[in-house]
N, C-alpha and C. Protein backbone atom coordinates (compact mmCIF):
# COMPACT_ATOMS: atom_id res chain seq x y z
N UNK A 1 -9.07 -5.58 10.11
CA UNK A 1 -10.05 -6.32 9.23
C UNK A 1 -9.54 -6.11 7.90
N UNK A 2 -9.39 -7.22 7.29
CA UNK A 2 -8.96 -7.23 5.56
C UNK A 2 -9.82 -6.33 4.84
N UNK A 3 -9.34 -5.61 3.86
CA UNK A 3 -10.18 -4.46 2.91
C UNK A 3 -10.06 -5.38 1.70
N UNK A 4 -11.31 -5.64 1.11
CA UNK A 4 -11.73 -6.18 -0.29
C UNK A 4 -12.60 -5.04 -1.11
N UNK A 5 -11.95 -4.64 -2.38
CA UNK A 5 -12.84 -3.45 -2.89
C UNK A 5 -13.20 -4.08 -4.18
N UNK A 6 -14.11 -4.27 -4.60
CA UNK A 6 -14.52 -4.69 -5.99
C UNK A 6 -14.10 -3.41 -6.96
N UNK A 7 -13.22 -4.15 -8.03
CA UNK A 7 -13.02 -3.30 -9.35
C UNK A 7 -13.66 -3.31 -10.34
N UNK A 8 -14.03 -4.66 -10.79
CA UNK A 8 -15.10 -5.07 -11.91
C UNK A 8 -15.70 -6.42 -11.70
N UNK A 9 -16.83 -6.64 -12.19
CA UNK A 9 -17.56 -7.69 -12.21
C UNK A 9 -18.37 -7.91 -13.73
N UNK A 10 -18.38 -9.12 -14.26
CA UNK A 10 -18.95 -9.33 -15.59
C UNK A 10 -19.36 -10.63 -15.75
N UNK A 11 -20.11 -10.97 -16.76
CA UNK A 11 -20.34 -12.51 -17.18
C UNK A 11 -19.70 -12.54 -18.42
N UNK A 12 -19.07 -14.14 -18.56
CA UNK A 12 -18.34 -14.21 -19.94
C UNK A 12 -19.68 -14.76 -20.89
N UNK A 13 -19.74 -14.04 -22.32
CA UNK A 13 -20.93 -14.48 -22.94
C UNK A 13 -20.81 -15.98 -23.56
N UNK A 14 -19.72 -16.58 -23.56
CA UNK A 14 -19.66 -18.16 -23.68
C UNK A 14 -19.46 -18.94 -22.79
N UNK A 15 -20.12 -19.57 -21.86
CA UNK A 15 -20.17 -20.35 -20.80
C UNK A 15 -20.72 -19.77 -19.55
N UNK A 16 -21.03 -18.58 -19.65
CA UNK A 16 -21.92 -17.75 -18.51
C UNK A 16 -21.20 -17.45 -17.10
N UNK A 17 -19.81 -17.81 -16.95
CA UNK A 17 -19.24 -17.65 -15.88
C UNK A 17 -19.37 -16.25 -15.50
N UNK A 18 -19.35 -16.05 -14.09
CA UNK A 18 -19.37 -14.73 -13.53
C UNK A 18 -17.71 -14.41 -13.18
N UNK A 19 -17.12 -13.52 -13.43
CA UNK A 19 -15.77 -13.03 -12.93
C UNK A 19 -16.03 -11.63 -12.23
N UNK A 20 -15.31 -11.59 -11.06
CA UNK A 20 -15.14 -10.31 -10.42
C UNK A 20 -13.78 -10.46 -10.23
N UNK A 21 -12.99 -9.22 -10.24
CA UNK A 21 -11.67 -8.68 -9.85
C UNK A 21 -11.80 -7.68 -8.67
N UNK A 22 -11.05 -8.19 -7.60
CA UNK A 22 -11.11 -7.02 -6.61
C UNK A 22 -9.70 -6.96 -6.11
N UNK A 23 -9.33 -5.99 -5.34
CA UNK A 23 -8.16 -5.54 -4.76
C UNK A 23 -8.43 -6.40 -3.22
N UNK A 24 -7.41 -6.96 -2.76
CA UNK A 24 -7.30 -7.48 -1.48
C UNK A 24 -6.29 -6.96 -0.63
N UNK A 25 -6.26 -6.45 0.28
CA UNK A 25 -5.34 -5.80 1.18
C UNK A 25 -5.42 -6.48 2.84
N UNK A 26 -4.42 -7.22 3.01
CA UNK A 26 -4.61 -7.64 4.45
C UNK A 26 -4.37 -6.63 5.67
N UNK A 27 -5.15 -6.87 6.71
CA UNK A 27 -4.89 -5.66 7.76
C UNK A 27 -3.41 -5.92 8.35
N UNK A 28 -2.96 -7.02 8.04
CA UNK A 28 -1.72 -7.17 8.79
C UNK A 28 -0.39 -6.42 7.83
N UNK A 29 -1.09 -6.04 6.72
CA UNK A 29 -0.05 -5.32 5.75
C UNK A 29 0.36 -6.17 4.46
N UNK A 30 1.59 -5.97 4.04
CA UNK A 30 1.94 -6.50 2.92
C UNK A 30 1.26 -5.87 1.66
N UNK A 31 1.64 -6.29 0.58
CA UNK A 31 1.22 -5.92 -0.96
C UNK A 31 -0.12 -6.30 -1.14
N UNK A 32 -0.76 -5.13 -1.92
CA UNK A 32 -2.06 -5.61 -2.28
C UNK A 32 -2.13 -6.71 -3.47
N UNK A 33 -3.16 -7.54 -3.29
CA UNK A 33 -3.35 -8.48 -4.10
C UNK A 33 -4.32 -8.23 -5.04
N UNK A 34 -4.32 -8.80 -6.39
CA UNK A 34 -5.69 -8.81 -7.18
C UNK A 34 -6.22 -10.37 -7.04
N UNK A 35 -7.49 -10.31 -6.64
CA UNK A 35 -8.16 -11.47 -6.32
C UNK A 35 -9.10 -11.38 -7.63
N UNK A 36 -9.01 -12.62 -8.11
CA UNK A 36 -9.72 -12.92 -9.28
C UNK A 36 -10.76 -14.10 -8.87
N UNK A 37 -12.26 -13.82 -9.01
CA UNK A 37 -13.13 -14.97 -8.38
C UNK A 37 -13.83 -15.16 -9.90
N UNK A 38 -13.84 -16.39 -10.09
CA UNK A 38 -14.77 -17.08 -11.20
C UNK A 38 -15.59 -17.93 -10.56
N UNK A 39 -17.00 -17.70 -10.71
CA UNK A 39 -18.29 -18.56 -10.32
C UNK A 39 -18.84 -19.15 -11.53
N UNK A 40 -18.95 -20.43 -11.42
CA UNK A 40 -19.44 -21.30 -12.17
C UNK A 40 -20.80 -22.15 -11.46
N UNK A 41 -21.76 -21.76 -11.55
CA UNK A 41 -22.73 -22.34 -10.88
C UNK A 41 -22.60 -21.96 -9.32
N UNK A 42 -22.57 -23.27 -8.51
CA UNK A 42 -22.23 -22.77 -7.11
C UNK A 42 -20.82 -23.05 -6.89
N UNK A 43 -19.97 -23.25 -8.02
CA UNK A 43 -18.31 -23.50 -7.66
C UNK A 43 -17.59 -22.19 -7.75
N UNK A 44 -16.84 -22.01 -6.78
CA UNK A 44 -15.77 -20.65 -7.03
C UNK A 44 -14.44 -21.26 -7.35
N UNK A 45 -13.75 -20.43 -8.16
CA UNK A 45 -12.26 -20.52 -8.30
C UNK A 45 -11.67 -19.33 -8.04
N UNK A 46 -10.73 -19.04 -7.30
CA UNK A 46 -10.12 -17.74 -6.69
C UNK A 46 -8.70 -17.70 -6.69
N UNK A 47 -8.11 -16.99 -7.41
CA UNK A 47 -6.71 -16.67 -7.60
C UNK A 47 -6.21 -15.20 -6.78
N UNK A 48 -5.31 -15.15 -5.96
CA UNK A 48 -4.85 -14.32 -5.35
C UNK A 48 -3.47 -13.92 -5.99
N UNK A 49 -3.46 -12.89 -7.11
CA UNK A 49 -1.95 -12.43 -7.45
C UNK A 49 -1.53 -11.32 -7.14
N UNK A 50 -0.12 -11.09 -7.37
CA UNK A 50 0.84 -9.95 -6.96
C UNK A 50 0.78 -8.92 -8.16
N UNK A 51 1.18 -7.79 -7.86
CA UNK A 51 1.37 -6.85 -8.93
C UNK A 51 2.43 -7.28 -10.31
N UNK A 52 3.07 -7.82 -10.07
CA UNK A 52 4.12 -8.17 -10.91
C UNK A 52 3.45 -9.40 -11.97
N UNK A 53 2.87 -10.45 -11.56
CA UNK A 53 2.02 -11.38 -12.07
C UNK A 53 1.04 -10.88 -12.75
N UNK A 54 -0.07 -9.83 -12.17
CA UNK A 54 -0.92 -9.38 -12.77
C UNK A 54 -0.57 -8.40 -14.00
N UNK A 55 0.30 -7.79 -14.03
CA UNK A 55 0.89 -6.96 -15.05
C UNK A 55 1.18 -7.81 -16.30
N UNK A 56 1.86 -9.16 -16.32
CA UNK A 56 2.42 -9.94 -16.98
C UNK A 56 0.92 -10.70 -17.66
N UNK A 57 0.11 -11.18 -17.03
CA UNK A 57 -1.02 -11.83 -17.33
C UNK A 57 -2.06 -10.73 -17.85
N UNK A 58 -2.17 -9.54 -17.47
CA UNK A 58 -2.87 -8.55 -18.28
C UNK A 58 -2.30 -8.12 -19.61
N UNK A 59 -0.96 -8.23 -19.92
CA UNK A 59 -0.17 -7.96 -21.07
C UNK A 59 -0.53 -9.05 -22.06
N UNK A 60 -0.60 -10.34 -21.67
CA UNK A 60 -0.88 -11.31 -22.55
C UNK A 60 -2.22 -11.27 -22.85
N UNK A 61 -3.15 -11.29 -22.00
CA UNK A 61 -4.55 -11.04 -22.27
C UNK A 61 -4.57 -9.78 -23.62
N UNK A 62 -4.35 -8.68 -23.07
CA UNK A 62 -4.34 -7.60 -24.03
C UNK A 62 -4.04 -7.90 -25.35
N UNK A 63 -2.55 -8.47 -25.39
CA UNK A 63 -1.84 -8.68 -26.67
C UNK A 63 -2.86 -9.79 -27.58
N UNK A 64 -3.11 -10.63 -26.89
CA UNK A 64 -3.90 -11.82 -27.69
C UNK A 64 -5.50 -11.09 -27.97
N UNK A 65 -6.01 -10.29 -27.34
CA UNK A 65 -7.44 -9.70 -27.61
C UNK A 65 -7.31 -8.77 -29.09
N UNK A 66 -5.91 -8.25 -29.04
CA UNK A 66 -5.80 -7.11 -29.84
C UNK A 66 -5.19 -7.73 -31.36
N UNK A 67 -4.90 -9.00 -31.20
CA UNK A 67 -4.35 -9.80 -32.25
C UNK A 67 -5.56 -10.47 -32.87
N UNK A 68 -6.98 -10.52 -32.18
CA UNK A 68 -7.96 -11.22 -33.04
C UNK A 68 -8.72 -10.24 -34.04
N UNK A 69 -9.46 -10.86 -34.97
CA UNK A 69 -10.49 -9.92 -35.79
C UNK A 69 -11.19 -9.41 -35.24
N UNK A 70 -11.53 -8.01 -35.79
CA UNK A 70 -12.32 -7.00 -35.10
C UNK A 70 -13.86 -7.54 -34.83
N UNK A 71 -14.57 -8.45 -35.52
CA UNK A 71 -15.80 -8.88 -35.29
C UNK A 71 -15.75 -9.76 -33.82
N UNK A 72 -14.66 -10.59 -33.85
CA UNK A 72 -14.78 -11.44 -32.66
C UNK A 72 -14.86 -10.88 -31.36
N UNK A 73 -15.84 -11.56 -30.31
CA UNK A 73 -15.77 -11.03 -29.03
C UNK A 73 -16.55 -9.78 -28.72
N UNK A 74 -17.12 -9.19 -29.72
CA UNK A 74 -18.09 -7.90 -29.34
C UNK A 74 -18.99 -7.89 -28.25
N UNK A 75 -19.46 -8.99 -27.97
CA UNK A 75 -20.47 -9.24 -26.76
C UNK A 75 -19.79 -9.09 -25.62
N UNK A 76 -18.42 -9.41 -25.58
CA UNK A 76 -17.59 -9.45 -24.28
C UNK A 76 -16.71 -8.03 -23.85
N UNK A 77 -16.87 -7.47 -25.07
CA UNK A 77 -15.98 -6.49 -25.21
C UNK A 77 -16.18 -5.18 -23.78
N UNK A 78 -15.28 -4.68 -23.16
CA UNK A 78 -15.22 -3.71 -22.26
C UNK A 78 -15.80 -2.63 -22.79
N UNK A 79 -16.54 -1.47 -22.06
CA UNK A 79 -17.00 -0.28 -22.55
C UNK A 79 -16.47 0.57 -21.67
């Protein structure tokens, strides 16, 4: 059986989408993937990405967030 482990789940303050990040490991083997599930009402968008892509995506997100004014996005800040 494939193994799915929830890593984080949160709501976006603007738009109210629910985002869940999961580690997804296939029973048959292979590299673990980062599954990003975005729920908008009854619609889901799902991305399964490899570690290299996750690192690049994460770096760009972190760099962008760090460059924003301090007051911006306090509601969605990670704790």
